[in-house]
């Protein structure tokens, strides 16, 4: 039995809660187009799971203490899934904490994540870094 798109994204968030980066990327397509919002610490576009792992997850882990995404709701929109929640963490360089609302828009095809786009209040995040 194949998993639904909602199940694929829910599995990503469950792996995130466990701190299991490899499992977070297990269902990410080899040519995924991953976009972190301009103004976010790792803002930009990344191609492929290794680029996402190094450019996003490794960087966030190195620069932030206790960085996490608390999922509040998943919305099933067919080939798109939207995750809504809150980021929190403390920037290691300043010791300042942040909390910011966020929406993740996932696009899936054939049981794999083919695109991801983040929307968040980058000013709230930036204030912790200065």
C-alpha atoms as a PDB file:
ATOM      1  CA  UNK A   1       0.000   0.000   0.000  1.00  0.00           C
ATOM      2  CA  UNK A   2       1.465   3.362  -0.988  1.00  0.00           C
ATOM      3  CA  UNK A   3       1.535   6.288   1.394  1.00  0.00           C
ATOM      4  CA  UNK A   4      -0.442   9.424   0.722  1.00  0.00           C
ATOM      5  CA  UNK A   5       1.283  12.746   0.124  1.00  0.00           C
ATOM      6  CA  UNK A   6       0.097  13.803   3.579  1.00  0.00           C
ATOM      7  CA  UNK A   7       1.763  10.696   5.068  1.00  0.00           C
ATOM      8  CA  UNK A   8       5.061  11.494   3.292  1.00  0.00           C
ATOM      9  CA  UNK A   9       5.165  15.023   4.710  1.00  0.00           C
ATOM     10  CA  UNK A  10       4.033  13.860   8.162  1.00  0.00           C
ATOM     11  CA  UNK A  11       6.922  11.354   8.142  1.00  0.00           C
ATOM     12  CA  UNK A  12       9.348  14.208   7.373  1.00  0.00           C
ATOM     13  CA  UNK A  13       8.125  16.180  10.382  1.00  0.00           C
ATOM     14  CA  UNK A  14       8.228  13.103  12.635  1.00  0.00           C
ATOM     15  CA  UNK A  15      11.859  12.527  11.580  1.00  0.00           C
ATOM     16  CA  UNK A  16      12.596  16.197  12.293  1.00  0.00           C
ATOM     17  CA  UNK A  17      11.204  15.789  15.811  1.00  0.00           C
ATOM     18  CA  UNK A  18      13.637  12.854  16.278  1.00  0.00           C
ATOM     19  CA  UNK A  19      16.562  14.826  14.817  1.00  0.00           C
ATOM     20  CA  UNK A  20      16.966  12.228  12.041  1.00  0.00           C
ATOM     21  CA  UNK A  21      18.108  14.258   9.020  1.00  0.00           C
ATOM     22  CA  UNK A  22      18.571  11.207   6.780  1.00  0.00           C
ATOM     23  CA  UNK A  23      14.960  10.133   7.406  1.00  0.00           C
ATOM     24  CA  UNK A  24      13.828  13.740   6.805  1.00  0.00           C
ATOM     25  CA  UNK A  25      15.311  13.474   3.307  1.00  0.00           C
ATOM     26  CA  UNK A  26      14.273   9.862   2.584  1.00  0.00           C
ATOM     27  CA  UNK A  27      11.342  10.852   0.364  1.00  0.00           C
ATOM     28  CA  UNK A  28      12.976  13.877  -1.263  1.00  0.00           C
ATOM     29  CA  UNK A  29      13.504  13.549  -5.030  1.00  0.00           C
ATOM     30  CA  UNK A  30      17.054  13.621  -6.386  1.00  0.00           C
ATOM     31  CA  UNK A  31      16.238  16.829  -8.276  1.00  0.00           C
ATOM     32  CA  UNK A  32      14.113  18.512  -5.587  1.00  0.00           C
ATOM     33  CA  UNK A  33      13.821  22.299  -5.828  1.00  0.00           C
ATOM     34  CA  UNK A  34      13.979  23.492  -2.204  1.00  0.00           C
ATOM     35  CA  UNK A  35      13.472  27.192  -1.451  1.00  0.00           C
ATOM     36  CA  UNK A  36      14.152  28.913   1.856  1.00  0.00           C
ATOM     37  CA  UNK A  37      12.724  32.431   2.013  1.00  0.00           C
ATOM     38  CA  UNK A  38      14.946  35.375   1.104  1.00  0.00           C
ATOM     39  CA  UNK A  39      16.126  37.019   4.321  1.00  0.00           C
ATOM     40  CA  UNK A  40      16.150  33.707   6.228  1.00  0.00           C
ATOM     41  CA  UNK A  41      19.628  32.689   7.514  1.00  0.00           C
ATOM     42  CA  UNK A  42      19.933  30.011   4.818  1.00  0.00           C
ATOM     43  CA  UNK A  43      17.679  31.768   2.316  1.00  0.00           C
ATOM     44  CA  UNK A  44      17.943  30.692  -1.298  1.00  0.00           C
ATOM     45  CA  UNK A  45      17.261  27.740  -3.540  1.00  0.00           C
ATOM     46  CA  UNK A  46      18.844  24.307  -3.280  1.00  0.00           C
ATOM     47  CA  UNK A  47      18.832  21.403  -5.757  1.00  0.00           C
ATOM     48  CA  UNK A  48      18.973  17.839  -4.498  1.00  0.00           C
ATOM     49  CA  UNK A  49      18.891  16.277  -1.032  1.00  0.00           C
ATOM     50  CA  UNK A  50      22.620  16.725  -0.297  1.00  0.00           C
ATOM     51  CA  UNK A  51      22.417  20.458  -1.030  1.00  0.00           C
ATOM     52  CA  UNK A  52      19.404  20.713   1.306  1.00  0.00           C
ATOM     53  CA  UNK A  53      21.172  18.697   4.001  1.00  0.00           C
ATOM     54  CA  UNK A  54      24.323  20.839   3.919  1.00  0.00           C
ATOM     55  CA  UNK A  55      22.856  24.234   3.009  1.00  0.00           C
ATOM     56  CA  UNK A  56      19.824  24.131   5.291  1.00  0.00           C
ATOM     57  CA  UNK A  57      19.782  21.463   7.997  1.00  0.00           C
ATOM     58  CA  UNK A  58      23.513  21.341   8.824  1.00  0.00           C
ATOM     59  CA  UNK A  59      23.715  25.121   8.860  1.00  0.00           C
ATOM     60  CA  UNK A  60      20.664  25.545  11.095  1.00  0.00           C
ATOM     61  CA  UNK A  61      22.029  22.908  13.480  1.00  0.00           C
ATOM     62  CA  UNK A  62      25.425  24.612  13.655  1.00  0.00           C
ATOM     63  CA  UNK A  63      24.154  28.181  14.040  1.00  0.00           C
ATOM     64  CA  UNK A  64      21.126  27.649  16.309  1.00  0.00           C
ATOM     65  CA  UNK A  65      20.721  25.961  19.705  1.00  0.00           C
ATOM     66  CA  UNK A  66      17.413  24.196  20.245  1.00  0.00           C
ATOM     67  CA  UNK A  67      16.212  25.054  16.747  1.00  0.00           C
ATOM     68  CA  UNK A  68      12.887  23.426  16.048  1.00  0.00           C
ATOM     69  CA  UNK A  69       9.718  23.557  14.031  1.00  0.00           C
ATOM     70  CA  UNK A  70       6.542  22.851  15.976  1.00  0.00           C
ATOM     71  CA  UNK A  71       3.920  21.541  13.560  1.00  0.00           C
ATOM     72  CA  UNK A  72       0.404  22.682  14.350  1.00  0.00           C
ATOM     73  CA  UNK A  73      -1.506  21.679  11.236  1.00  0.00           C
ATOM     74  CA  UNK A  74      -1.113  19.805   7.964  1.00  0.00           C
ATOM     75  CA  UNK A  75      -3.397  20.646   5.062  1.00  0.00           C
ATOM     76  CA  UNK A  76      -3.881  18.090   2.299  1.00  0.00           C
ATOM     77  CA  UNK A  77      -4.266  19.835  -1.057  1.00  0.00           C
ATOM     78  CA  UNK A  78      -3.737  16.855  -3.374  1.00  0.00           C
ATOM     79  CA  UNK A  79      -0.289  17.112  -4.939  1.00  0.00           C
ATOM     80  CA  UNK A  80       0.484  19.915  -2.471  1.00  0.00           C
ATOM     81  CA  UNK A  81       0.662  19.678   1.325  1.00  0.00           C
ATOM     82  CA  UNK A  82       0.918  22.715   3.588  1.00  0.00           C
ATOM     83  CA  UNK A  83       2.528  22.551   7.006  1.00  0.00           C
ATOM     84  CA  UNK A  84       1.757  25.374   9.442  1.00  0.00           C
ATOM     85  CA  UNK A  85       3.602  25.936  12.669  1.00  0.00           C
ATOM     86  CA  UNK A  86       6.204  27.882  14.598  1.00  0.00           C
ATOM     87  CA  UNK A  87       9.997  28.068  14.488  1.00  0.00           C
ATOM     88  CA  UNK A  88      11.952  28.619  17.674  1.00  0.00           C
ATOM     89  CA  UNK A  89      15.577  28.542  18.723  1.00  0.00           C
ATOM     90  CA  UNK A  90      18.487  30.543  20.095  1.00  0.00           C
ATOM     91  CA  UNK A  91      21.140  31.959  17.792  1.00  0.00           C
ATOM     92  CA  UNK A  92      24.504  30.736  19.071  1.00  0.00           C
ATOM     93  CA  UNK A  93      26.398  33.868  17.962  1.00  0.00           C
ATOM     94  CA  UNK A  94      24.278  36.268  20.026  1.00  0.00           C
ATOM     95  CA  UNK A  95      22.478  34.118  22.597  1.00  0.00           C
ATOM     96  CA  UNK A  96      19.179  35.698  21.460  1.00  0.00           C
ATOM     97  CA  UNK A  97      16.057  33.581  21.118  1.00  0.00           C
ATOM     98  CA  UNK A  98      13.441  33.826  18.377  1.00  0.00           C
ATOM     99  CA  UNK A  99       9.992  32.529  17.643  1.00  0.00           C
ATOM    100  CA  UNK A 100       8.321  32.983  14.244  1.00  0.00           C
ATOM    101  CA  UNK A 101       5.222  31.637  12.529  1.00  0.00           C
ATOM    102  CA  UNK A 102       5.865  29.654   9.352  1.00  0.00           C
ATOM    103  CA  UNK A 103       4.119  27.918   6.479  1.00  0.00           C
ATOM    104  CA  UNK A 104       5.779  25.222   4.364  1.00  0.00           C
ATOM    105  CA  UNK A 105       4.366  24.426   0.928  1.00  0.00           C
ATOM    106  CA  UNK A 106       5.318  20.969  -0.326  1.00  0.00           C
ATOM    107  CA  UNK A 107       4.725  19.632  -3.859  1.00  0.00           C
ATOM    108  CA  UNK A 108       4.849  15.889  -4.380  1.00  0.00           C
ATOM    109  CA  UNK A 109       4.833  13.559  -7.370  1.00  0.00           C
ATOM    110  CA  UNK A 110       5.123   9.783  -7.360  1.00  0.00           C
ATOM    111  CA  UNK A 111       5.419   9.658  -3.575  1.00  0.00           C
ATOM    112  CA  UNK A 112       8.405  12.016  -3.500  1.00  0.00           C
ATOM    113  CA  UNK A 113       8.898  15.643  -2.559  1.00  0.00           C
ATOM    114  CA  UNK A 114       9.747  17.493  -5.774  1.00  0.00           C
ATOM    115  CA  UNK A 115       9.495  21.049  -4.432  1.00  0.00           C
ATOM    116  CA  UNK A 116       9.441  22.847  -1.093  1.00  0.00           C
ATOM    117  CA  UNK A 117       8.930  26.529  -0.325  1.00  0.00           C
ATOM    118  CA  UNK A 118       9.105  28.243   3.049  1.00  0.00           C
ATOM    119  CA  UNK A 119       7.203  31.368   4.111  1.00  0.00           C
ATOM    120  CA  UNK A 120       8.117  32.979   7.448  1.00  0.00           C
ATOM    121  CA  UNK A 121       8.651  36.311   9.170  1.00  0.00           C
ATOM    122  CA  UNK A 122      12.339  36.662   8.425  1.00  0.00           C
ATOM    123  CA  UNK A 123      12.630  39.887  10.432  1.00  0.00           C
ATOM    124  CA  UNK A 124      11.812  38.039  13.654  1.00  0.00           C
ATOM    125  CA  UNK A 125      14.465  35.460  12.823  1.00  0.00           C
ATOM    126  CA  UNK A 126      17.025  38.107  11.788  1.00  0.00           C
ATOM    127  CA  UNK A 127      16.605  40.064  15.053  1.00  0.00           C
ATOM    128  CA  UNK A 128      18.043  37.081  16.940  1.00  0.00           C
ATOM    129  CA  UNK A 129      21.207  37.168  14.804  1.00  0.00           C
ATOM    130  CA  UNK A 130      22.235  40.788  15.517  1.00  0.00           C
END
